[in-house]
């Protein structure tokens, strides 16, 4: 990271904002009373939650749809 340039542009250079955002995402969804997720489930929930919170859900939804879409054939 170019710290001098970040300071000139008044960008945050600490990790506090990133860590707080991660804590919010994880704390809000993963640590609810009675919540129990597998590793794969936790990762999927966090992926979609961060996409939703960062206004990137539609792009993620299209990408996932394109990745997992399968052609459907007519039943005999």
PDB file of N, CA and C in Angstrom:
ATOM      1  N   UNK A   1       0.841  -1.177   0.000  1.00  0.00           N
ATOM      2  CA  UNK A   1       0.000   0.000   0.000  1.00  0.00           C
ATOM      3  C   UNK A   1       0.890   1.244   0.000  1.00  0.00           C
ATOM      4  N   UNK A   2       0.490   2.221  -0.723  1.00  0.00           N
ATOM      5  CA  UNK A   2       1.214   3.488  -0.809  1.00  0.00           C
ATOM      6  C   UNK A   2       0.726   4.410   0.312  1.00  0.00           C
ATOM      7  N   UNK A   3       1.346   4.284   1.490  1.00  0.00           N
ATOM      8  CA  UNK A   3       0.871   5.010   2.666  1.00  0.00           C
ATOM      9  C   UNK A   3       0.942   6.526   2.492  1.00  0.00           C
ATOM     10  N   UNK A   4       2.018   7.026   1.926  1.00  0.00           N
ATOM     11  CA  UNK A   4       2.157   8.483   1.749  1.00  0.00           C
ATOM     12  C   UNK A   4       1.012   9.028   0.891  1.00  0.00           C
ATOM     13  N   UNK A   5       0.703   8.326  -0.193  1.00  0.00           N
ATOM     14  CA  UNK A   5      -0.383   8.765  -1.076  1.00  0.00           C
ATOM     15  C   UNK A   5      -1.729   8.653  -0.366  1.00  0.00           C
ATOM     16  N   UNK A   6      -1.908   7.605   0.407  1.00  0.00           N
ATOM     17  CA  UNK A   6      -3.161   7.422   1.144  1.00  0.00           C
ATOM     18  C   UNK A   6      -3.365   8.548   2.150  1.00  0.00           C
ATOM     19  N   UNK A   7      -2.304   8.953   2.818  1.00  0.00           N
ATOM     20  CA  UNK A   7      -2.406  10.037   3.797  1.00  0.00           C
ATOM     21  C   UNK A   7      -2.746  11.352   3.096  1.00  0.00           C
ATOM     22  N   UNK A   8      -2.105  11.622   1.958  1.00  0.00           N
ATOM     23  CA  UNK A   8      -2.378  12.847   1.199  1.00  0.00           C
ATOM     24  C   UNK A   8      -3.845  12.876   0.766  1.00  0.00           C
ATOM     25  N   UNK A   9      -4.387  11.739   0.360  1.00  0.00           N
ATOM     26  CA  UNK A   9      -5.777  11.663  -0.102  1.00  0.00           C
ATOM     27  C   UNK A   9      -6.772  11.489   1.050  1.00  0.00           C
ATOM     28  N   UNK A  10      -6.275  11.473   2.264  1.00  0.00           N
ATOM     29  CA  UNK A  10      -7.096  11.323   3.463  1.00  0.00           C
ATOM     30  C   UNK A  10      -7.825   9.980   3.496  1.00  0.00           C
ATOM     31  N   UNK A  11      -7.169   8.945   2.988  1.00  0.00           N
ATOM     32  CA  UNK A  11      -7.710   7.589   3.050  1.00  0.00           C
ATOM     33  C   UNK A  11      -7.349   6.969   4.394  1.00  0.00           C
ATOM     34  N   UNK A  12      -8.190   6.099   4.897  1.00  0.00           N
ATOM     35  CA  UNK A  12      -7.824   5.412   6.140  1.00  0.00           C
ATOM     36  C   UNK A  12      -6.686   4.428   5.860  1.00  0.00           C
ATOM     37  N   UNK A  13      -5.719   4.378   6.755  1.00  0.00           N
ATOM     38  CA  UNK A  13      -4.598   3.471   6.538  1.00  0.00           C
ATOM     39  C   UNK A  13      -4.539   2.365   7.577  1.00  0.00           C
ATOM     40  N   UNK A  14      -5.415   2.404   8.552  1.00  0.00           N
ATOM     41  CA  UNK A  14      -5.447   1.359   9.576  1.00  0.00           C
ATOM     42  C   UNK A  14      -6.333   0.207   9.144  1.00  0.00           C
ATOM     43  N   UNK A  15      -6.265  -0.880   9.885  1.00  0.00           N
ATOM     44  CA  UNK A  15      -7.098  -2.040   9.575  1.00  0.00           C
ATOM     45  C   UNK A  15      -8.360  -2.063  10.417  1.00  0.00           C
ATOM     46  N   UNK A  16      -8.527  -1.085  11.269  1.00  0.00           N
ATOM     47  CA  UNK A  16      -9.680  -1.054  12.169  1.00  0.00           C
ATOM     48  C   UNK A  16     -11.011  -1.096  11.451  1.00  0.00           C
ATOM     49  N   UNK A  17     -11.136  -0.353  10.370  1.00  0.00           N
ATOM     50  CA  UNK A  17     -12.393  -0.321   9.619  1.00  0.00           C
ATOM     51  C   UNK A  17     -12.684  -1.689   9.019  1.00  0.00           C
ATOM     52  N   UNK A  18     -11.679  -2.308   8.445  1.00  0.00           N
ATOM     53  CA  UNK A  18     -11.847  -3.636   7.851  1.00  0.00           C
ATOM     54  C   UNK A  18     -12.191  -4.663   8.913  1.00  0.00           C
ATOM     55  N   UNK A  19     -11.483  -4.621  10.032  1.00  0.00           N
ATOM     56  CA  UNK A  19     -11.752  -5.575  11.105  1.00  0.00           C
ATOM     57  C   UNK A  19     -13.137  -5.379  11.690  1.00  0.00           C
ATOM     58  N   UNK A  20     -13.576  -4.142  11.834  1.00  0.00           N
ATOM     59  CA  UNK A  20     -14.918  -3.872  12.353  1.00  0.00           C
ATOM     60  C   UNK A  20     -15.988  -4.380  11.390  1.00  0.00           C
ATOM     61  N   UNK A  21     -15.752  -4.205  10.090  1.00  0.00           N
ATOM     62  CA  UNK A  21     -16.709  -4.696   9.101  1.00  0.00           C
ATOM     63  C   UNK A  21     -16.791  -6.217   9.145  1.00  0.00           C
ATOM     64  N   UNK A  22     -15.643  -6.869   9.234  1.00  0.00           N
ATOM     65  CA  UNK A  22     -15.632  -8.336   9.311  1.00  0.00           C
ATOM     66  C   UNK A  22     -16.336  -8.811  10.577  1.00  0.00           C
ATOM     67  N   UNK A  23     -16.099  -8.139  11.687  1.00  0.00           N
ATOM     68  CA  UNK A  23     -16.750  -8.515  12.948  1.00  0.00           C
ATOM     69  C   UNK A  23     -18.265  -8.353  12.846  1.00  0.00           C
ATOM     70  N   UNK A  24     -18.702  -7.285  12.177  1.00  0.00           N
ATOM     71  CA  UNK A  24     -20.131  -7.059  12.003  1.00  0.00           C
ATOM     72  C   UNK A  24     -20.760  -8.161  11.159  1.00  0.00           C
ATOM     73  N   UNK A  25     -20.112  -8.490  10.045  1.00  0.00           N
ATOM     74  CA  UNK A  25     -20.651  -9.522   9.153  1.00  0.00           C
ATOM     75  C   UNK A  25     -20.707 -10.863   9.878  1.00  0.00           C
ATOM     76  N   UNK A  26     -19.615 -11.234  10.498  1.00  0.00           N
ATOM     77  CA  UNK A  26     -19.548 -12.528  11.182  1.00  0.00           C
ATOM     78  C   UNK A  26     -20.445 -12.524  12.409  1.00  0.00           C
ATOM     79  N   UNK A  27     -20.350 -11.475  13.204  1.00  0.00           N
ATOM     80  CA  UNK A  27     -21.130 -11.416  14.434  1.00  0.00           C
ATOM     81  C   UNK A  27     -22.614 -11.416  14.199  1.00  0.00           C
ATOM     82  N   UNK A  28     -23.054 -10.732  13.159  1.00  0.00           N
ATOM     83  CA  UNK A  28     -24.480 -10.626  12.894  1.00  0.00           C
ATOM     84  C   UNK A  28     -25.072 -11.948  12.434  1.00  0.00           C
ATOM     85  N   UNK A  29     -24.371 -12.670  11.580  1.00  0.00           N
ATOM     86  CA  UNK A  29     -24.944 -13.883  11.005  1.00  0.00           C
ATOM     87  C   UNK A  29     -24.483 -15.177  11.656  1.00  0.00           C
ATOM     88  N   UNK A  30     -23.229 -15.262  12.008  1.00  0.00           N
ATOM     89  CA  UNK A  30     -22.678 -16.545  12.446  1.00  0.00           C
ATOM     90  C   UNK A  30     -22.874 -16.815  13.931  1.00  0.00           C
ATOM     91  N   UNK A  31     -23.016 -15.779  14.732  1.00  0.00           N
ATOM     92  CA  UNK A  31     -23.037 -15.987  16.165  1.00  0.00           C
ATOM     93  C   UNK A  31     -24.405 -15.776  16.784  1.00  0.00           C
ATOM     94  N   UNK A  32     -25.462 -15.950  16.009  1.00  0.00           N
ATOM     95  CA  UNK A  32     -26.812 -15.841  16.557  1.00  0.00           C
ATOM     96  C   UNK A  32     -27.097 -17.051  17.429  1.00  0.00           C
ATOM     97  N   UNK A  33     -27.974 -16.865  18.378  1.00  0.00           N
ATOM     98  CA  UNK A  33     -28.346 -17.963  19.256  1.00  0.00           C
ATOM     99  C   UNK A  33     -28.895 -19.128  18.433  1.00  0.00           C
ATOM    100  N   UNK A  34     -28.348 -20.304  18.641  1.00  0.00           N
ATOM    101  CA  UNK A  34     -28.810 -21.502  17.953  1.00  0.00           C
ATOM    102  C   UNK A  34     -28.272 -21.685  16.550  1.00  0.00           C
ATOM    103  N   UNK A  35     -27.462 -20.749  16.058  1.00  0.00           N
ATOM    104  CA  UNK A  35     -26.923 -20.866  14.700  1.00  0.00           C
ATOM    105  C   UNK A  35     -25.879 -21.978  14.656  1.00  0.00           C
ATOM    106  N   UNK A  36     -25.996 -22.827  13.662  1.00  0.00           N
ATOM    107  CA  UNK A  36     -25.052 -23.926  13.501  1.00  0.00           C
ATOM    108  C   UNK A  36     -24.825 -24.142  12.004  1.00  0.00           C
ATOM    109  N   UNK A  37     -23.625 -23.845  11.546  1.00  0.00           N
ATOM    110  CA  UNK A  37     -23.306 -23.954  10.123  1.00  0.00           C
ATOM    111  C   UNK A  37     -22.099 -24.855   9.936  1.00  0.00           C
ATOM    112  N   UNK A  38     -22.073 -25.568   8.817  1.00  0.00           N
ATOM    113  CA  UNK A  38     -20.860 -26.281   8.433  1.00  0.00           C
ATOM    114  C   UNK A  38     -19.875 -25.247   7.888  1.00  0.00           C
ATOM    115  N   UNK A  39     -18.644 -25.652   7.674  1.00  0.00           N
ATOM    116  CA  UNK A  39     -17.648 -24.731   7.106  1.00  0.00           C
ATOM    117  C   UNK A  39     -18.125 -24.210   5.755  1.00  0.00           C
ATOM    118  N   UNK A  40     -18.634 -25.097   4.924  1.00  0.00           N
ATOM    119  CA  UNK A  40     -19.127 -24.699   3.599  1.00  0.00           C
ATOM    120  C   UNK A  40     -20.321 -23.756   3.740  1.00  0.00           C
ATOM    121  N   UNK A  41     -21.211 -24.060   4.664  1.00  0.00           N
ATOM    122  CA  UNK A  41     -22.389 -23.218   4.878  1.00  0.00           C
ATOM    123  C   UNK A  41     -22.017 -21.833   5.376  1.00  0.00           C
ATOM    124  N   UNK A  42     -21.069 -21.763   6.328  1.00  0.00           N
ATOM    125  CA  UNK A  42     -20.610 -20.465   6.841  1.00  0.00           C
ATOM    126  C   UNK A  42     -20.019 -19.625   5.722  1.00  0.00           C
ATOM    127  N   UNK A  43     -19.209 -20.262   4.908  1.00  0.00           N
ATOM    128  CA  UNK A  43     -18.561 -19.531   3.819  1.00  0.00           C
ATOM    129  C   UNK A  43     -19.591 -19.009   2.825  1.00  0.00           C
ATOM    130  N   UNK A  44     -20.584 -19.822   2.492  1.00  0.00           N
ATOM    131  CA  UNK A  44     -21.620 -19.401   1.546  1.00  0.00           C
ATOM    132  C   UNK A  44     -22.444 -18.245   2.114  1.00  0.00           C
ATOM    133  N   UNK A  45     -22.844 -18.350   3.378  1.00  0.00           N
ATOM    134  CA  UNK A  45     -23.636 -17.288   4.001  1.00  0.00           C
ATOM    135  C   UNK A  45     -22.848 -15.985   4.033  1.00  0.00           C
ATOM    136  N   UNK A  46     -21.578 -16.063   4.423  1.00  0.00           N
ATOM    137  CA  UNK A  46     -20.770 -14.851   4.488  1.00  0.00           C
ATOM    138  C   UNK A  46     -20.528 -14.259   3.103  1.00  0.00           C
ATOM    139  N   UNK A  47     -20.346 -15.093   2.104  1.00  0.00           N
ATOM    140  CA  UNK A  47     -20.146 -14.607   0.740  1.00  0.00           C
ATOM    141  C   UNK A  47     -21.365 -13.806   0.277  1.00  0.00           C
ATOM    142  N   UNK A  48     -22.556 -14.378   0.457  1.00  0.00           N
ATOM    143  CA  UNK A  48     -23.765 -13.689   0.006  1.00  0.00           C
ATOM    144  C   UNK A  48     -24.076 -12.471   0.866  1.00  0.00           C
ATOM    145  N   UNK A  49     -23.797 -12.556   2.166  1.00  0.00           N
ATOM    146  CA  UNK A  49     -24.056 -11.403   3.041  1.00  0.00           C
ATOM    147  C   UNK A  49     -23.146 -10.228   2.682  1.00  0.00           C
ATOM    148  N   UNK A  50     -21.874 -10.484   2.462  1.00  0.00           N
ATOM    149  CA  UNK A  50     -20.975  -9.386   2.092  1.00  0.00           C
ATOM    150  C   UNK A  50     -21.331  -8.823   0.720  1.00  0.00           C
ATOM    151  N   UNK A  51     -21.768  -9.677  -0.199  1.00  0.00           N
ATOM    152  CA  UNK A  51     -22.193  -9.188  -1.514  1.00  0.00           C
ATOM    153  C   UNK A  51     -23.424  -8.302  -1.369  1.00  0.00           C
ATOM    154  N   UNK A  52     -24.348  -8.688  -0.504  1.00  0.00           N
ATOM    155  CA  UNK A  52     -25.548  -7.891  -0.279  1.00  0.00           C
ATOM    156  C   UNK A  52     -25.202  -6.550   0.361  1.00  0.00           C
ATOM    157  N   UNK A  53     -24.359  -6.574   1.385  1.00  0.00           N
ATOM    158  CA  UNK A  53     -23.999  -5.345   2.091  1.00  0.00           C
ATOM    159  C   UNK A  53     -23.156  -4.397   1.240  1.00  0.00           C
ATOM    160  N   UNK A  54     -22.435  -4.925   0.248  1.00  0.00           N
ATOM    161  CA  UNK A  54     -21.591  -4.072  -0.594  1.00  0.00           C
ATOM    162  C   UNK A  54     -22.247  -3.752  -1.940  1.00  0.00           C
ATOM    163  N   UNK A  55     -23.543  -4.023  -2.047  1.00  0.00           N
ATOM    164  CA  UNK A  55     -24.312  -3.749  -3.279  1.00  0.00           C
ATOM    165  C   UNK A  55     -23.762  -4.490  -4.481  1.00  0.00           C
ATOM    166  N   UNK A  56     -23.237  -5.702  -4.252  1.00  0.00           N
ATOM    167  CA  UNK A  56     -22.706  -6.515  -5.354  1.00  0.00           C
ATOM    168  C   UNK A  56     -23.473  -7.828  -5.502  1.00  0.00           C
ATOM    169  N   UNK A  57     -24.649  -7.906  -4.891  1.00  0.00           N
ATOM    170  CA  UNK A  57     -25.395  -9.151  -4.886  1.00  0.00           C
ATOM    171  C   UNK A  57     -25.804  -9.583  -6.287  1.00  0.00           C
ATOM    172  N   UNK A  58     -26.287  -8.649  -7.094  1.00  0.00           N
ATOM    173  CA  UNK A  58     -26.752  -8.999  -8.445  1.00  0.00           C
ATOM    174  C   UNK A  58     -25.619  -9.598  -9.279  1.00  0.00           C
ATOM    175  N   UNK A  59     -24.435  -9.016  -9.196  1.00  0.00           N
ATOM    176  CA  UNK A  59     -23.291  -9.533  -9.957  1.00  0.00           C
ATOM    177  C   UNK A  59     -22.917 -10.929  -9.470  1.00  0.00           C
ATOM    178  N   UNK A  60     -22.918 -11.122  -8.161  1.00  0.00           N
ATOM    179  CA  UNK A  60     -22.604 -12.443  -7.611  1.00  0.00           C
ATOM    180  C   UNK A  60     -23.659 -13.462  -8.028  1.00  0.00           C
ATOM    181  N   UNK A  61     -24.916 -13.055  -7.968  1.00  0.00           N
ATOM    182  CA  UNK A  61     -26.013 -13.957  -8.336  1.00  0.00           C
ATOM    183  C   UNK A  61     -25.877 -14.406  -9.787  1.00  0.00           C
ATOM    184  N   UNK A  62     -25.536 -13.467 -10.666  1.00  0.00           N
ATOM    185  CA  UNK A  62     -25.330 -13.835 -12.083  1.00  0.00           C
ATOM    186  C   UNK A  62     -24.150 -14.794 -12.234  1.00  0.00           C
ATOM    187  N   UNK A  63     -23.058 -14.500 -11.538  1.00  0.00           N
ATOM    188  CA  UNK A  63     -21.869 -15.353 -11.645  1.00  0.00           C
ATOM    189  C   UNK A  63     -22.155 -16.752 -11.127  1.00  0.00           C
ATOM    190  N   UNK A  64     -22.809 -16.854  -9.997  1.00  0.00           N
ATOM    191  CA  UNK A  64     -23.145 -18.170  -9.437  1.00  0.00           C
ATOM    192  C   UNK A  64     -24.101 -18.900 -10.366  1.00  0.00           C
ATOM    193  N   UNK A  65     -25.073 -18.179 -10.890  1.00  0.00           N
ATOM    194  CA  UNK A  65     -26.027 -18.795 -11.823  1.00  0.00           C
ATOM    195  C   UNK A  65     -25.345 -19.326 -13.068  1.00  0.00           C
ATOM    196  N   UNK A  66     -24.405 -18.548 -13.599  1.00  0.00           N
ATOM    197  CA  UNK A  66     -23.670 -18.987 -14.789  1.00  0.00           C
ATOM    198  C   UNK A  66     -22.785 -20.193 -14.479  1.00  0.00           C
ATOM    199  N   UNK A  67     -22.236 -20.227 -13.275  1.00  0.00           N
ATOM    200  CA  UNK A  67     -21.335 -21.312 -12.882  1.00  0.00           C
ATOM    201  C   UNK A  67     -22.072 -22.625 -12.695  1.00  0.00           C
ATOM    202  N   UNK A  68     -23.249 -22.554 -12.090  1.00  0.00           N
ATOM    203  CA  UNK A  68     -23.946 -23.782 -11.707  1.00  0.00           C
ATOM    204  C   UNK A  68     -25.118 -24.142 -12.613  1.00  0.00           C
ATOM    205  N   UNK A  69     -25.385 -23.343 -13.620  1.00  0.00           N
ATOM    206  CA  UNK A  69     -26.505 -23.620 -14.515  1.00  0.00           C
ATOM    207  C   UNK A  69     -26.199 -24.867 -15.358  1.00  0.00           C
ATOM    208  N   UNK A  70     -27.180 -25.703 -15.480  1.00  0.00           N
ATOM    209  CA  UNK A  70     -27.052 -26.907 -16.295  1.00  0.00           C
ATOM    210  C   UNK A  70     -28.180 -26.916 -17.321  1.00  0.00           C
ATOM    211  N   UNK A  71     -27.901 -27.407 -18.509  1.00  0.00           N
ATOM    212  CA  UNK A  71     -28.981 -27.514 -19.495  1.00  0.00           C
ATOM    213  C   UNK A  71     -30.022 -28.537 -19.039  1.00  0.00           C
ATOM    214  N   UNK A  72     -31.249 -28.249 -19.304  1.00  0.00           N
ATOM    215  CA  UNK A  72     -32.332 -29.152 -18.902  1.00  0.00           C
ATOM    216  C   UNK A  72     -32.888 -29.799 -20.163  1.00  0.00           C
ATOM    217  N   UNK A  73     -33.046 -31.102 -20.110  1.00  0.00           N
ATOM    218  CA  UNK A  73     -33.625 -31.797 -21.274  1.00  0.00           C
ATOM    219  C   UNK A  73     -35.027 -32.263 -20.933  1.00  0.00           C
ATOM    220  N   UNK A  74     -35.815 -32.361 -21.946  1.00  0.00           N
ATOM    221  CA  UNK A  74     -37.196 -32.757 -21.771  1.00  0.00           C
ATOM    222  C   UNK A  74     -37.294 -34.215 -21.338  1.00  0.00           C
ATOM    223  N   UNK A  75     -38.227 -34.480 -20.454  1.00  0.00           N
ATOM    224  CA  UNK A  75     -38.434 -35.861 -20.024  1.00  0.00           C
ATOM    225  C   UNK A  75     -39.067 -36.658 -21.140  1.00  0.00           C
ATOM    226  N   UNK A  76     -38.764 -37.937 -21.217  1.00  0.00           N
ATOM    227  CA  UNK A  76     -39.290 -38.773 -22.290  1.00  0.00           C
ATOM    228  C   UNK A  76     -40.752 -39.091 -22.094  1.00  0.00           C
TER     229      UNK A  76
END
